């Protein structure tokens, strides 16, 4: 008789996952191409510290190429229910020819907004457009770009110049995003998720509990 082993609640397995996207926000980056047109690309490596957003990019993508020449960008943050538009962008690249490492799964597409079914909206401080449908836009400028320790990716430090928020997710009469109204799209080990119900709030929170 074979007895199967079921891990207990406190038992951990040592594993070697191919990716470490352990629940990270999705962002759509707007940048300017050499010809003045707009590129739009999804990323899943972004975090904020004060008014600086740190981004992780593939070295061979059009976004990295654009930021090396023109540092302005918009960090557009889609809501959870916009995941299908994000996924329409996922297999596309603005690079031509398509980099060798991407040729098996990606195709060149210069008209990214149209391909995703999204609309460009003029920015106030930077040249690249915002994504009209996204509830949050962070206009920013890349102030430092450097390779990661493996020399595979680029780490971009972007200073935020202006924040635009859909009025429906702002606490009335304040400059605060309402956490109960804002539902970011989360990339969880290459699956799309939204947020669950609020569990509590930090002692540093400036907005009331939901």
C-alpha atoms as a PDB file:
ATOM      1  CA  UNK A   1       0.000   0.000   0.000  1.00  0.00           C
ATOM      2  CA  UNK A   2       1.322   3.439  -0.989  1.00  0.00           C
ATOM      3  CA  UNK A   3       0.906   6.197   1.551  1.00  0.00           C
ATOM      4  CA  UNK A   4       0.895   9.692   0.070  1.00  0.00           C
ATOM      5  CA  UNK A   5       2.493  12.557   1.916  1.00  0.00           C
ATOM      6  CA  UNK A   6       0.553  15.777   2.350  1.00  0.00           C
ATOM      7  CA  UNK A   7       2.664  18.783   3.422  1.00  0.00           C
ATOM      8  CA  UNK A   8       1.637  20.286   6.728  1.00  0.00           C
ATOM      9  CA  UNK A   9       0.780  23.943   7.164  1.00  0.00           C
ATOM     10  CA  UNK A  10       4.244  24.703   8.575  1.00  0.00           C
ATOM     11  CA  UNK A  11       6.301  22.656   6.124  1.00  0.00           C
ATOM     12  CA  UNK A  12       8.255  24.464   3.402  1.00  0.00           C
ATOM     13  CA  UNK A  13       9.633  22.991   0.204  1.00  0.00           C
ATOM     14  CA  UNK A  14      12.850  24.270  -1.372  1.00  0.00           C
ATOM     15  CA  UNK A  15      11.925  25.079  -4.975  1.00  0.00           C
ATOM     16  CA  UNK A  16      13.546  26.725  -7.983  1.00  0.00           C
ATOM     17  CA  UNK A  17      10.847  28.772  -9.774  1.00  0.00           C
ATOM     18  CA  UNK A  18      11.688  30.208 -13.194  1.00  0.00           C
ATOM     19  CA  UNK A  19      10.165  33.577 -12.298  1.00  0.00           C
ATOM     20  CA  UNK A  20       9.618  35.539  -9.085  1.00  0.00           C
ATOM     21  CA  UNK A  21       6.540  37.624  -9.840  1.00  0.00           C
ATOM     22  CA  UNK A  22       5.088  37.051  -6.380  1.00  0.00           C
ATOM     23  CA  UNK A  23       2.166  39.420  -6.785  1.00  0.00           C
ATOM     24  CA  UNK A  24       3.391  42.632  -8.427  1.00  0.00           C
ATOM     25  CA  UNK A  25       1.434  45.514  -9.986  1.00  0.00           C
ATOM     26  CA  UNK A  26       1.061  45.800 -13.741  1.00  0.00           C
ATOM     27  CA  UNK A  27       2.011  49.067 -15.425  1.00  0.00           C
ATOM     28  CA  UNK A  28       1.756  50.253 -19.013  1.00  0.00           C
ATOM     29  CA  UNK A  29       4.714  52.441 -19.961  1.00  0.00           C
ATOM     30  CA  UNK A  30       4.260  55.137 -22.596  1.00  0.00           C
ATOM     31  CA  UNK A  31       7.474  56.305 -24.255  1.00  0.00           C
ATOM     32  CA  UNK A  32       8.375  58.204 -27.421  1.00  0.00           C
ATOM     33  CA  UNK A  33       9.802  56.449 -30.487  1.00  0.00           C
ATOM     34  CA  UNK A  34      12.516  57.902 -32.719  1.00  0.00           C
ATOM     35  CA  UNK A  35       9.899  59.123 -35.198  1.00  0.00           C
ATOM     36  CA  UNK A  36       7.819  60.884 -32.522  1.00  0.00           C
ATOM     37  CA  UNK A  37       5.123  58.194 -32.338  1.00  0.00           C
ATOM     38  CA  UNK A  38       4.200  56.530 -29.052  1.00  0.00           C
ATOM     39  CA  UNK A  39       5.192  53.114 -27.797  1.00  0.00           C
ATOM     40  CA  UNK A  40       3.156  51.338 -25.138  1.00  0.00           C
ATOM     41  CA  UNK A  41       4.469  48.335 -23.223  1.00  0.00           C
ATOM     42  CA  UNK A  42       3.310  46.328 -20.195  1.00  0.00           C
ATOM     43  CA  UNK A  43       5.727  45.655 -17.348  1.00  0.00           C
ATOM     44  CA  UNK A  44       5.355  43.799 -14.061  1.00  0.00           C
ATOM     45  CA  UNK A  45       8.395  45.033 -12.149  1.00  0.00           C
ATOM     46  CA  UNK A  46       7.684  48.393 -10.543  1.00  0.00           C
ATOM     47  CA  UNK A  47       7.797  49.823  -7.052  1.00  0.00           C
ATOM     48  CA  UNK A  48       7.662  53.296  -5.564  1.00  0.00           C
ATOM     49  CA  UNK A  49       9.743  55.066  -2.943  1.00  0.00           C
ATOM     50  CA  UNK A  50       8.535  58.577  -2.252  1.00  0.00           C
ATOM     51  CA  UNK A  51       8.274  60.343  -5.609  1.00  0.00           C
ATOM     52  CA  UNK A  52      10.582  57.875  -7.365  1.00  0.00           C
ATOM     53  CA  UNK A  53       9.362  54.772  -9.177  1.00  0.00           C
ATOM     54  CA  UNK A  54      11.862  52.012  -9.885  1.00  0.00           C
ATOM     55  CA  UNK A  55      11.177  49.975 -13.021  1.00  0.00           C
ATOM     56  CA  UNK A  56      12.668  46.751 -14.324  1.00  0.00           C
ATOM     57  CA  UNK A  57      12.908  46.449 -18.121  1.00  0.00           C
ATOM     58  CA  UNK A  58      14.241  44.010 -20.675  1.00  0.00           C
ATOM     59  CA  UNK A  59      17.397  45.409 -22.266  1.00  0.00           C
ATOM     60  CA  UNK A  60      16.330  44.728 -25.851  1.00  0.00           C
ATOM     61  CA  UNK A  61      12.820  46.173 -25.757  1.00  0.00           C
ATOM     62  CA  UNK A  62      11.638  49.348 -27.447  1.00  0.00           C
ATOM     63  CA  UNK A  63      10.958  50.970 -24.076  1.00  0.00           C
ATOM     64  CA  UNK A  64      14.604  50.627 -23.042  1.00  0.00           C
ATOM     65  CA  UNK A  65      15.720  51.970 -26.436  1.00  0.00           C
ATOM     66  CA  UNK A  66      13.413  54.964 -26.141  1.00  0.00           C
ATOM     67  CA  UNK A  67      14.349  55.880 -22.569  1.00  0.00           C
ATOM     68  CA  UNK A  68      18.046  55.802 -23.379  1.00  0.00           C
ATOM     69  CA  UNK A  69      17.428  58.570 -25.933  1.00  0.00           C
ATOM     70  CA  UNK A  70      14.404  60.355 -24.492  1.00  0.00           C
ATOM     71  CA  UNK A  71      13.907  59.985 -20.715  1.00  0.00           C
ATOM     72  CA  UNK A  72      10.268  61.102 -20.467  1.00  0.00           C
ATOM     73  CA  UNK A  73       7.610  58.461 -19.854  1.00  0.00           C
ATOM     74  CA  UNK A  74       4.188  57.851 -18.379  1.00  0.00           C
ATOM     75  CA  UNK A  75       3.562  55.033 -15.915  1.00  0.00           C
ATOM     76  CA  UNK A  76      -0.070  54.126 -16.548  1.00  0.00           C
ATOM     77  CA  UNK A  77      -1.673  51.868 -13.954  1.00  0.00           C
ATOM     78  CA  UNK A  78      -4.592  49.758 -15.225  1.00  0.00           C
ATOM     79  CA  UNK A  79      -7.438  48.502 -13.073  1.00  0.00           C
ATOM     80  CA  UNK A  80      -7.971  44.800 -12.519  1.00  0.00           C
ATOM     81  CA  UNK A  81     -10.791  44.585 -15.047  1.00  0.00           C
ATOM     82  CA  UNK A  82      -8.492  45.889 -17.819  1.00  0.00           C
ATOM     83  CA  UNK A  83      -6.328  42.766 -17.893  1.00  0.00           C
ATOM     84  CA  UNK A  84      -7.473  41.771 -21.370  1.00  0.00           C
ATOM     85  CA  UNK A  85      -6.128  45.018 -22.854  1.00  0.00           C
ATOM     86  CA  UNK A  86      -2.829  44.351 -21.110  1.00  0.00           C
ATOM     87  CA  UNK A  87      -2.716  40.820 -22.474  1.00  0.00           C
ATOM     88  CA  UNK A  88      -3.351  42.077 -26.009  1.00  0.00           C
ATOM     89  CA  UNK A  89      -0.124  44.071 -25.660  1.00  0.00           C
ATOM     90  CA  UNK A  90       1.867  41.260 -24.068  1.00  0.00           C
ATOM     91  CA  UNK A  91       3.014  39.448 -27.270  1.00  0.00           C
ATOM     92  CA  UNK A  92       3.817  42.677 -29.151  1.00  0.00           C
ATOM     93  CA  UNK A  93       7.070  44.579 -29.478  1.00  0.00           C
ATOM     94  CA  UNK A  94       7.886  47.946 -30.950  1.00  0.00           C
ATOM     95  CA  UNK A  95      11.380  46.769 -31.934  1.00  0.00           C
ATOM     96  CA  UNK A  96      12.067  46.183 -35.603  1.00  0.00           C
ATOM     97  CA  UNK A  97      13.510  43.813 -36.410  1.00  0.00           C
ATOM     98  CA  UNK A  98      12.243  41.742 -33.492  1.00  0.00           C
ATOM     99  CA  UNK A  99      15.177  40.826 -31.192  1.00  0.00           C
ATOM    100  CA  UNK A 100      16.376  37.267 -31.646  1.00  0.00           C
ATOM    101  CA  UNK A 101      15.425  36.276 -28.104  1.00  0.00           C
ATOM    102  CA  UNK A 102      11.801  37.325 -28.774  1.00  0.00           C
ATOM    103  CA  UNK A 103      11.223  35.999 -32.281  1.00  0.00           C
ATOM    104  CA  UNK A 104       9.610  32.727 -31.232  1.00  0.00           C
ATOM    105  CA  UNK A 105       6.757  34.372 -29.292  1.00  0.00           C
ATOM    106  CA  UNK A 106       6.578  38.086 -30.148  1.00  0.00           C
ATOM    107  CA  UNK A 107       5.659  40.068 -33.246  1.00  0.00           C
ATOM    108  CA  UNK A 108       6.401  43.620 -34.263  1.00  0.00           C
ATOM    109  CA  UNK A 109       3.519  46.077 -33.868  1.00  0.00           C
ATOM    110  CA  UNK A 110       4.075  49.833 -34.204  1.00  0.00           C
ATOM    111  CA  UNK A 111       0.478  50.844 -33.369  1.00  0.00           C
ATOM    112  CA  UNK A 112       0.338  49.644 -29.781  1.00  0.00           C
ATOM    113  CA  UNK A 113      -2.567  51.792 -28.567  1.00  0.00           C
ATOM    114  CA  UNK A 114      -4.789  50.652 -31.406  1.00  0.00           C
ATOM    115  CA  UNK A 115      -3.772  47.008 -30.982  1.00  0.00           C
ATOM    116  CA  UNK A 116      -4.729  47.110 -27.300  1.00  0.00           C
ATOM    117  CA  UNK A 117      -7.988  48.988 -27.880  1.00  0.00           C
ATOM    118  CA  UNK A 118      -6.774  51.940 -25.798  1.00  0.00           C
ATOM    119  CA  UNK A 119      -6.768  55.694 -26.435  1.00  0.00           C
ATOM    120  CA  UNK A 120      -3.837  58.121 -26.061  1.00  0.00           C
ATOM    121  CA  UNK A 121      -4.432  61.234 -23.982  1.00  0.00           C
ATOM    122  CA  UNK A 122      -2.062  64.240 -24.004  1.00  0.00           C
ATOM    123  CA  UNK A 123       0.259  64.596 -21.027  1.00  0.00           C
ATOM    124  CA  UNK A 124       1.002  67.874 -19.257  1.00  0.00           C
ATOM    125  CA  UNK A 125       4.688  67.611 -18.362  1.00  0.00           C
ATOM    126  CA  UNK A 126       6.103  65.029 -20.784  1.00  0.00           C
ATOM    127  CA  UNK A 127       5.800  64.236 -24.493  1.00  0.00           C
ATOM    128  CA  UNK A 128       4.580  60.601 -24.363  1.00  0.00           C
ATOM    129  CA  UNK A 129       0.789  60.324 -24.035  1.00  0.00           C
ATOM    130  CA  UNK A 130      -1.169  58.862 -21.158  1.00  0.00           C
ATOM    131  CA  UNK A 131      -3.554  55.917 -21.492  1.00  0.00           C
ATOM    132  CA  UNK A 132      -7.005  57.481 -21.187  1.00  0.00           C
ATOM    133  CA  UNK A 133      -8.661  54.337 -19.843  1.00  0.00           C
ATOM    134  CA  UNK A 134      -6.210  53.776 -16.980  1.00  0.00           C
ATOM    135  CA  UNK A 135      -7.381  55.168 -13.616  1.00  0.00           C
ATOM    136  CA  UNK A 136      -3.892  56.347 -12.586  1.00  0.00           C
ATOM    137  CA  UNK A 137      -1.216  58.113 -14.650  1.00  0.00           C
ATOM    138  CA  UNK A 138       2.240  59.015 -13.350  1.00  0.00           C
ATOM    139  CA  UNK A 139       4.084  61.386 -15.653  1.00  0.00           C
ATOM    140  CA  UNK A 140       7.777  60.865 -15.000  1.00  0.00           C
ATOM    141  CA  UNK A 141      11.334  61.326 -16.194  1.00  0.00           C
ATOM    142  CA  UNK A 142      14.019  58.651 -16.042  1.00  0.00           C
ATOM    143  CA  UNK A 143      16.897  60.073 -14.026  1.00  0.00           C
ATOM    144  CA  UNK A 144      19.122  56.987 -13.855  1.00  0.00           C
ATOM    145  CA  UNK A 145      19.300  53.827 -15.968  1.00  0.00           C
ATOM    146  CA  UNK A 146      21.730  51.005 -15.218  1.00  0.00           C
ATOM    147  CA  UNK A 147      22.103  47.276 -15.762  1.00  0.00           C
ATOM    148  CA  UNK A 148      21.106  44.769 -13.118  1.00  0.00           C
ATOM    149  CA  UNK A 149      23.691  42.474 -11.522  1.00  0.00           C
ATOM    150  CA  UNK A 150      23.143  39.790 -14.191  1.00  0.00           C
ATOM    151  CA  UNK A 151      23.480  42.311 -17.053  1.00  0.00           C
ATOM    152  CA  UNK A 152      20.199  40.966 -18.428  1.00  0.00           C
ATOM    153  CA  UNK A 153      17.780  43.716 -17.449  1.00  0.00           C
ATOM    154  CA  UNK A 154      17.777  47.468 -16.962  1.00  0.00           C
ATOM    155  CA  UNK A 155      16.823  49.203 -13.742  1.00  0.00           C
ATOM    156  CA  UNK A 156      15.234  52.606 -14.319  1.00  0.00           C
ATOM    157  CA  UNK A 157      14.779  55.208 -11.588  1.00  0.00           C
ATOM    158  CA  UNK A 158      12.034  57.589 -12.668  1.00  0.00           C
ATOM    159  CA  UNK A 159      11.137  60.819 -10.869  1.00  0.00           C
ATOM    160  CA  UNK A 160       7.391  61.452 -10.881  1.00  0.00           C
ATOM    161  CA  UNK A 161       6.458  64.912 -12.143  1.00  0.00           C
ATOM    162  CA  UNK A 162       2.651  64.739 -12.046  1.00  0.00           C
ATOM    163  CA  UNK A 163      -0.059  62.308 -10.952  1.00  0.00           C
ATOM    164  CA  UNK A 164      -3.485  62.124 -12.586  1.00  0.00           C
ATOM    165  CA  UNK A 165      -6.247  60.059 -10.984  1.00  0.00           C
ATOM    166  CA  UNK A 166      -9.765  59.188 -12.062  1.00  0.00           C
ATOM    167  CA  UNK A 167     -12.040  61.280  -9.826  1.00  0.00           C
ATOM    168  CA  UNK A 168     -13.874  58.133  -8.780  1.00  0.00           C
ATOM    169  CA  UNK A 169     -10.845  56.766  -6.937  1.00  0.00           C
ATOM    170  CA  UNK A 170      -9.916  59.986  -5.101  1.00  0.00           C
ATOM    171  CA  UNK A 171     -11.070  60.723  -1.551  1.00  0.00           C
ATOM    172  CA  UNK A 172     -13.265  63.824  -2.037  1.00  0.00           C
ATOM    173  CA  UNK A 173     -11.564  67.066  -1.115  1.00  0.00           C
ATOM    174  CA  UNK A 174      -8.114  65.464  -0.716  1.00  0.00           C
ATOM    175  CA  UNK A 175      -5.071  64.423  -2.723  1.00  0.00           C
ATOM    176  CA  UNK A 176      -5.406  60.809  -1.544  1.00  0.00           C
ATOM    177  CA  UNK A 177      -6.262  57.784  -3.646  1.00  0.00           C
ATOM    178  CA  UNK A 178      -9.084  55.871  -1.952  1.00  0.00           C
ATOM    179  CA  UNK A 179      -7.764  52.328  -1.380  1.00  0.00           C
ATOM    180  CA  UNK A 180     -11.325  51.011  -1.216  1.00  0.00           C
ATOM    181  CA  UNK A 181     -12.082  52.389  -4.676  1.00  0.00           C
ATOM    182  CA  UNK A 182      -8.777  51.661  -6.405  1.00  0.00           C
ATOM    183  CA  UNK A 183      -8.399  48.094  -7.689  1.00  0.00           C
ATOM    184  CA  UNK A 184      -4.972  47.631  -9.326  1.00  0.00           C
ATOM    185  CA  UNK A 185      -4.165  44.778 -11.661  1.00  0.00           C
ATOM    186  CA  UNK A 186      -1.799  42.293 -10.001  1.00  0.00           C
ATOM    187  CA  UNK A 187       0.555  39.952 -11.864  1.00  0.00           C
ATOM    188  CA  UNK A 188       0.836  36.816  -9.725  1.00  0.00           C
ATOM    189  CA  UNK A 189       3.261  34.255 -11.204  1.00  0.00           C
ATOM    190  CA  UNK A 190       2.098  35.220 -14.718  1.00  0.00           C
ATOM    191  CA  UNK A 191      -1.604  35.096 -13.836  1.00  0.00           C
ATOM    192  CA  UNK A 192      -3.771  38.210 -13.526  1.00  0.00           C
ATOM    193  CA  UNK A 193      -5.541  38.985 -10.252  1.00  0.00           C
ATOM    194  CA  UNK A 194      -7.298  41.846  -8.519  1.00  0.00           C
ATOM    195  CA  UNK A 195      -7.344  42.676  -4.814  1.00  0.00           C
ATOM    196  CA  UNK A 196      -9.514  40.935  -2.260  1.00  0.00           C
ATOM    197  CA  UNK A 197     -11.398  42.586   0.587  1.00  0.00           C
ATOM    198  CA  UNK A 198      -9.512  44.935   2.895  1.00  0.00           C
ATOM    199  CA  UNK A 199      -7.943  43.169   5.872  1.00  0.00           C
ATOM    200  CA  UNK A 200      -6.753  46.214   7.793  1.00  0.00           C
ATOM    201  CA  UNK A 201      -4.620  49.321   7.368  1.00  0.00           C
ATOM    202  CA  UNK A 202      -1.222  50.581   8.439  1.00  0.00           C
ATOM    203  CA  UNK A 203      -0.889  52.950  11.410  1.00  0.00           C
ATOM    204  CA  UNK A 204       0.608  55.420   8.900  1.00  0.00           C
ATOM    205  CA  UNK A 205      -2.459  55.427   6.644  1.00  0.00           C
ATOM    206  CA  UNK A 206      -3.903  58.849   5.853  1.00  0.00           C
ATOM    207  CA  UNK A 207      -7.223  57.473   4.619  1.00  0.00           C
ATOM    208  CA  UNK A 208     -10.007  55.853   6.674  1.00  0.00           C
ATOM    209  CA  UNK A 209     -10.512  52.103   6.761  1.00  0.00           C
ATOM    210  CA  UNK A 210     -12.837  50.772   4.063  1.00  0.00           C
END
